[in-house]
Amino acid sequence: MTMTSAPPRVLVGVDLVQISQVASSLHQLGDSYMKRVYTAEEIAHCNSNPLLAPSRFAGRFAAKEATLKALRLDDQGLDLRNIELVQAPGGWCDLVLHGRAAELADAAGWRSWSVSLSHEGDYATAVVAVSVDRGQR
C-alpha cells in the first residue's frame, strides 16, 4: 500500500470595483491616491494609456482586495503596495507579493497562486486562487 499526501486546499478571493469610483479618486486625490495604493511600476503601466488608466487602476485595486480576502487576515493592516500586479508581455497579469504580504502568504502555507482580471462596462473584477498546503489555514 502506498501513502499519498492529501491534496492541497484551494482558497479563493474575489472583488468587484466600480471604475467610475476609482476615476473619481484619481481625479480628486491624484498622486496621493496612486502612491498610497499602487507601486511605481503599476502607476507607470496604468498611466501609459490615459484612456484606459481608470479601468487599469480599478482592476488592480480589485486584485489587491481579492488577495486580502484570500489571505483571510484577522484585522491585520497591510500596505496595498505589498501586493503588486505585474503586466506580462502576453497581456495577463501576474500577482507578486512583497514584504509583509509575502510573509503572511508564506505563514498561511501559500504555495502557488493565480490572478484573473476582467472589465465590463463600469466594473472591474478580480479573482485570486491560491493553492495552500493542507495543514495550513
C-alpha atoms as a PDB file:
ATOM      1  CA  MET A   1       0.000   0.000   0.000  1.00  0.00           C
ATOM      2  CA  THR A   2       1.399   3.389  -0.933  1.00  0.00           C
ATOM      3  CA  MET A   3       0.862   6.510   1.113  1.00  0.00           C
ATOM      4  CA  THR A   4      -0.183   9.641  -0.706  1.00  0.00           C
ATOM      5  CA  SER A   5      -0.306  13.099   0.724  1.00  0.00           C
ATOM      6  CA  ALA A   6      -3.580  14.959   0.929  1.00  0.00           C
ATOM      7  CA  PRO A   7      -4.231  17.273  -1.995  1.00  0.00           C
ATOM      8  CA  PRO A   8      -3.647  20.953  -1.347  1.00  0.00           C
ATOM      9  CA  ARG A   9      -6.538  23.170  -0.332  1.00  0.00           C
ATOM     10  CA  VAL A  10      -7.631  25.958  -2.619  1.00  0.00           C
ATOM     11  CA  LEU A  11      -8.505  29.407  -1.292  1.00  0.00           C
ATOM     12  CA  VAL A  12     -10.285  31.981  -3.415  1.00  0.00           C
ATOM     13  CA  GLY A  13     -10.705  35.738  -3.106  1.00  0.00           C
ATOM     14  CA  VAL A  14     -12.984  37.797  -5.369  1.00  0.00           C
ATOM     15  CA  ASP A  15     -13.620  41.528  -5.609  1.00  0.00           C
ATOM     16  CA  LEU A  16     -15.667  43.876  -7.787  1.00  0.00           C
ATOM     17  CA  VAL A  17     -14.811  47.568  -8.180  1.00  0.00           C
ATOM     18  CA  GLN A  18     -16.736  50.364  -9.864  1.00  0.00           C
ATOM     19  CA  ILE A  19     -14.382  52.014 -12.363  1.00  0.00           C
ATOM     20  CA  SER A  20     -16.100  55.415 -12.062  1.00  0.00           C
ATOM     21  CA  GLN A  21     -15.369  55.472  -8.316  1.00  0.00           C
ATOM     22  CA  VAL A  22     -11.688  54.830  -8.969  1.00  0.00           C
ATOM     23  CA  ALA A  23     -11.749  57.543 -11.668  1.00  0.00           C
ATOM     24  CA  SER A  24     -13.236  59.918  -9.086  1.00  0.00           C
ATOM     25  CA  SER A  25     -10.467  59.084  -6.583  1.00  0.00           C
ATOM     26  CA  LEU A  26      -7.860  59.632  -9.272  1.00  0.00           C
ATOM     27  CA  HIS A  27      -9.407  62.986 -10.179  1.00  0.00           C
ATOM     28  CA  GLN A  28      -9.876  64.221  -6.607  1.00  0.00           C
ATOM     29  CA  LEU A  29      -6.745  62.818  -4.946  1.00  0.00           C
ATOM     30  CA  GLY A  30      -4.352  62.302  -7.867  1.00  0.00           C
ATOM     31  CA  ASP A  31      -0.820  61.305  -6.923  1.00  0.00           C
ATOM     32  CA  SER A  32      -1.597  60.891  -3.216  1.00  0.00           C
ATOM     33  CA  TYR A  33      -4.186  58.197  -4.040  1.00  0.00           C
ATOM     34  CA  MET A  34      -1.941  56.448  -6.551  1.00  0.00           C
ATOM     35  CA  LYS A  35       1.136  56.449  -4.307  1.00  0.00           C
ATOM     36  CA  ARG A  36      -0.848  55.165  -1.310  1.00  0.00           C
ATOM     37  CA  VAL A  37      -2.291  52.158  -3.174  1.00  0.00           C
ATOM     38  CA  TYR A  38      -0.084  51.265  -6.164  1.00  0.00           C
ATOM     39  CA  THR A  39       3.596  50.568  -6.813  1.00  0.00           C
ATOM     40  CA  ALA A  40       5.584  52.847  -9.111  1.00  0.00           C
ATOM     41  CA  GLU A  41       5.529  50.154 -11.809  1.00  0.00           C
ATOM     42  CA  GLU A  42       1.745  49.782 -11.550  1.00  0.00           C
ATOM     43  CA  ILE A  43       1.294  53.545 -11.796  1.00  0.00           C
ATOM     44  CA  ALA A  44       3.557  53.727 -14.858  1.00  0.00           C
ATOM     45  CA  HIS A  45       1.706  50.916 -16.617  1.00  0.00           C
ATOM     46  CA  CYS A  46      -1.778  52.218 -15.798  1.00  0.00           C
ATOM     47  CA  ASN A  47      -0.911  55.768 -16.856  1.00  0.00           C
ATOM     48  CA  SER A  48       0.743  54.638 -20.105  1.00  0.00           C
ATOM     49  CA  ASN A  49      -2.692  54.944 -21.750  1.00  0.00           C
ATOM     50  CA  PRO A  50      -4.753  57.775 -20.194  1.00  0.00           C
ATOM     51  CA  LEU A  51      -7.999  56.460 -21.693  1.00  0.00           C
ATOM     52  CA  LEU A  52      -7.524  53.076 -20.011  1.00  0.00           C
ATOM     53  CA  ALA A  53      -6.000  54.351 -16.755  1.00  0.00           C
ATOM     54  CA  PRO A  54      -9.153  54.282 -14.560  1.00  0.00           C
ATOM     55  CA  SER A  55     -10.019  50.782 -15.774  1.00  0.00           C
ATOM     56  CA  ARG A  56      -6.474  49.525 -15.213  1.00  0.00           C
ATOM     57  CA  PHE A  57      -6.272  51.038 -11.728  1.00  0.00           C
ATOM     58  CA  ALA A  58      -9.693  49.581 -10.846  1.00  0.00           C
ATOM     59  CA  GLY A  59      -8.676  46.096 -11.966  1.00  0.00           C
ATOM     60  CA  ARG A  60      -5.532  46.250  -9.880  1.00  0.00           C
ATOM     61  CA  PHE A  61      -7.450  47.532  -6.863  1.00  0.00           C
ATOM     62  CA  ALA A  62      -9.896  44.633  -7.211  1.00  0.00           C
ATOM     63  CA  ALA A  63      -6.980  42.184  -7.391  1.00  0.00           C
ATOM     64  CA  LYS A  64      -5.383  43.643  -4.253  1.00  0.00           C
ATOM     65  CA  GLU A  65      -8.703  43.321  -2.386  1.00  0.00           C
ATOM     66  CA  ALA A  66      -9.216  39.768  -3.687  1.00  0.00           C
ATOM     67  CA  THR A  67      -5.717  38.907  -2.440  1.00  0.00           C
ATOM     68  CA  LEU A  68      -6.559  40.260   1.014  1.00  0.00           C
ATOM     69  CA  LYS A  69      -9.676  38.064   1.044  1.00  0.00           C
ATOM     70  CA  ALA A  70      -7.642  35.002   0.076  1.00  0.00           C
ATOM     71  CA  LEU A  71      -5.136  35.776   2.857  1.00  0.00           C
ATOM     72  CA  ARG A  72      -8.008  35.717   5.367  1.00  0.00           C
ATOM     73  CA  LEU A  73      -6.477  38.342   7.625  1.00  0.00           C
ATOM     74  CA  ASP A  74      -7.751  38.991  11.136  1.00  0.00           C
ATOM     75  CA  ASP A  75      -7.697  42.793  11.496  1.00  0.00           C
ATOM     76  CA  GLN A  76      -4.066  42.931  10.354  1.00  0.00           C
ATOM     77  CA  GLY A  77      -3.216  46.049   8.438  1.00  0.00           C
ATOM     78  CA  LEU A  78      -1.364  45.572   5.193  1.00  0.00           C
ATOM     79  CA  ASP A  79       0.132  48.134   2.822  1.00  0.00           C
ATOM     80  CA  LEU A  80      -1.592  47.503  -0.505  1.00  0.00           C
ATOM     81  CA  ARG A  81       1.683  48.260  -2.297  1.00  0.00           C
ATOM     82  CA  ASN A  82       2.931  44.922  -0.912  1.00  0.00           C
ATOM     83  CA  ILE A  83       0.519  43.336  -3.399  1.00  0.00           C
ATOM     84  CA  GLU A  84       1.618  44.074  -6.952  1.00  0.00           C
ATOM     85  CA  LEU A  85       0.136  43.233 -10.335  1.00  0.00           C
ATOM     86  CA  VAL A  86       2.820  42.902 -12.985  1.00  0.00           C
ATOM     87  CA  GLN A  87       1.782  43.076 -16.625  1.00  0.00           C
ATOM     88  CA  ALA A  88       3.122  40.096 -18.576  1.00  0.00           C
ATOM     89  CA  PRO A  89       4.134  40.546 -22.242  1.00  0.00           C
ATOM     90  CA  GLY A  90       1.168  38.374 -23.306  1.00  0.00           C
ATOM     91  CA  GLY A  91      -1.316  40.757 -21.686  1.00  0.00           C
ATOM     92  CA  TRP A  92      -2.222  38.908 -18.495  1.00  0.00           C
ATOM     93  CA  CYS A  93      -1.140  39.972 -15.022  1.00  0.00           C
ATOM     94  CA  ASP A  94       0.965  38.096 -12.512  1.00  0.00           C
ATOM     95  CA  LEU A  95       0.460  38.596  -8.788  1.00  0.00           C
ATOM     96  CA  VAL A  96       3.691  39.407  -6.944  1.00  0.00           C
ATOM     97  CA  LEU A  97       3.816  39.681  -3.158  1.00  0.00           C
ATOM     98  CA  HIS A  98       6.368  41.780  -1.307  1.00  0.00           C
ATOM     99  CA  GLY A  99       7.280  42.414   2.316  1.00  0.00           C
ATOM    100  CA  ARG A 100       4.525  41.709   4.840  1.00  0.00           C
ATOM    101  CA  ALA A 101       2.169  40.260   2.202  1.00  0.00           C
ATOM    102  CA  ALA A 102       4.802  37.676   1.221  1.00  0.00           C
ATOM    103  CA  GLU A 103       5.424  36.854   4.902  1.00  0.00           C
ATOM    104  CA  LEU A 104       1.701  36.383   5.592  1.00  0.00           C
ATOM    105  CA  ALA A 105       1.238  34.222   2.492  1.00  0.00           C
ATOM    106  CA  ASP A 106       4.189  32.047   3.477  1.00  0.00           C
ATOM    107  CA  ALA A 107       2.882  31.694   7.053  1.00  0.00           C
ATOM    108  CA  ALA A 108      -0.548  30.724   5.682  1.00  0.00           C
ATOM    109  CA  GLY A 109       1.022  27.971   3.558  1.00  0.00           C
ATOM    110  CA  TRP A 110       0.541  29.558   0.136  1.00  0.00           C
ATOM    111  CA  ARG A 111       2.457  27.510  -2.428  1.00  0.00           C
ATOM    112  CA  SER A 112       1.170  28.894  -5.721  1.00  0.00           C
ATOM    113  CA  TRP A 113      -1.393  31.436  -6.815  1.00  0.00           C
ATOM    114  CA  SER A 114      -3.026  32.929  -9.852  1.00  0.00           C
ATOM    115  CA  VAL A 115      -4.983  36.088 -10.585  1.00  0.00           C
ATOM    116  CA  SER A 116      -7.501  36.887 -13.281  1.00  0.00           C
ATOM    117  CA  LEU A 117      -8.882  40.347 -14.069  1.00  0.00           C
ATOM    118  CA  SER A 118     -11.922  41.261 -16.134  1.00  0.00           C
ATOM    119  CA  HIS A 119     -13.610  44.516 -17.124  1.00  0.00           C
ATOM    120  CA  GLU A 120     -17.174  45.099 -18.267  1.00  0.00           C
ATOM    121  CA  GLY A 121     -18.927  48.436 -18.527  1.00  0.00           C
ATOM    122  CA  ASP A 122     -18.261  50.412 -15.344  1.00  0.00           C
ATOM    123  CA  TYR A 123     -16.888  47.436 -13.404  1.00  0.00           C
ATOM    124  CA  ALA A 124     -13.607  45.650 -12.925  1.00  0.00           C
ATOM    125  CA  THR A 125     -13.388  42.331 -11.155  1.00  0.00           C
ATOM    126  CA  ALA A 126     -10.572  40.088  -9.989  1.00  0.00           C
ATOM    127  CA  VAL A 127     -10.297  36.520  -8.780  1.00  0.00           C
ATOM    128  CA  VAL A 128      -7.303  35.203  -6.852  1.00  0.00           C
ATOM    129  CA  ALA A 129      -6.969  31.415  -6.481  1.00  0.00           C
ATOM    130  CA  VAL A 130      -4.375  30.007  -4.102  1.00  0.00           C
ATOM    131  CA  SER A 131      -3.013  26.529  -3.526  1.00  0.00           C
ATOM    132  CA  VAL A 132      -2.340  26.038   0.203  1.00  0.00           C
ATOM    133  CA  ASP A 133      -0.619  23.186   1.989  1.00  0.00           C
ATOM    134  CA  ARG A 134      -3.313  21.032   3.599  1.00  0.00           C
ATOM    135  CA  GLY A 135      -2.160  21.632   7.188  1.00  0.00           C
ATOM    136  CA  GLN A 136      -2.418  25.427   6.981  1.00  0.00           C
ATOM    137  CA  ARG A 137      -5.432  27.688   7.493  1.00  0.00           C
END
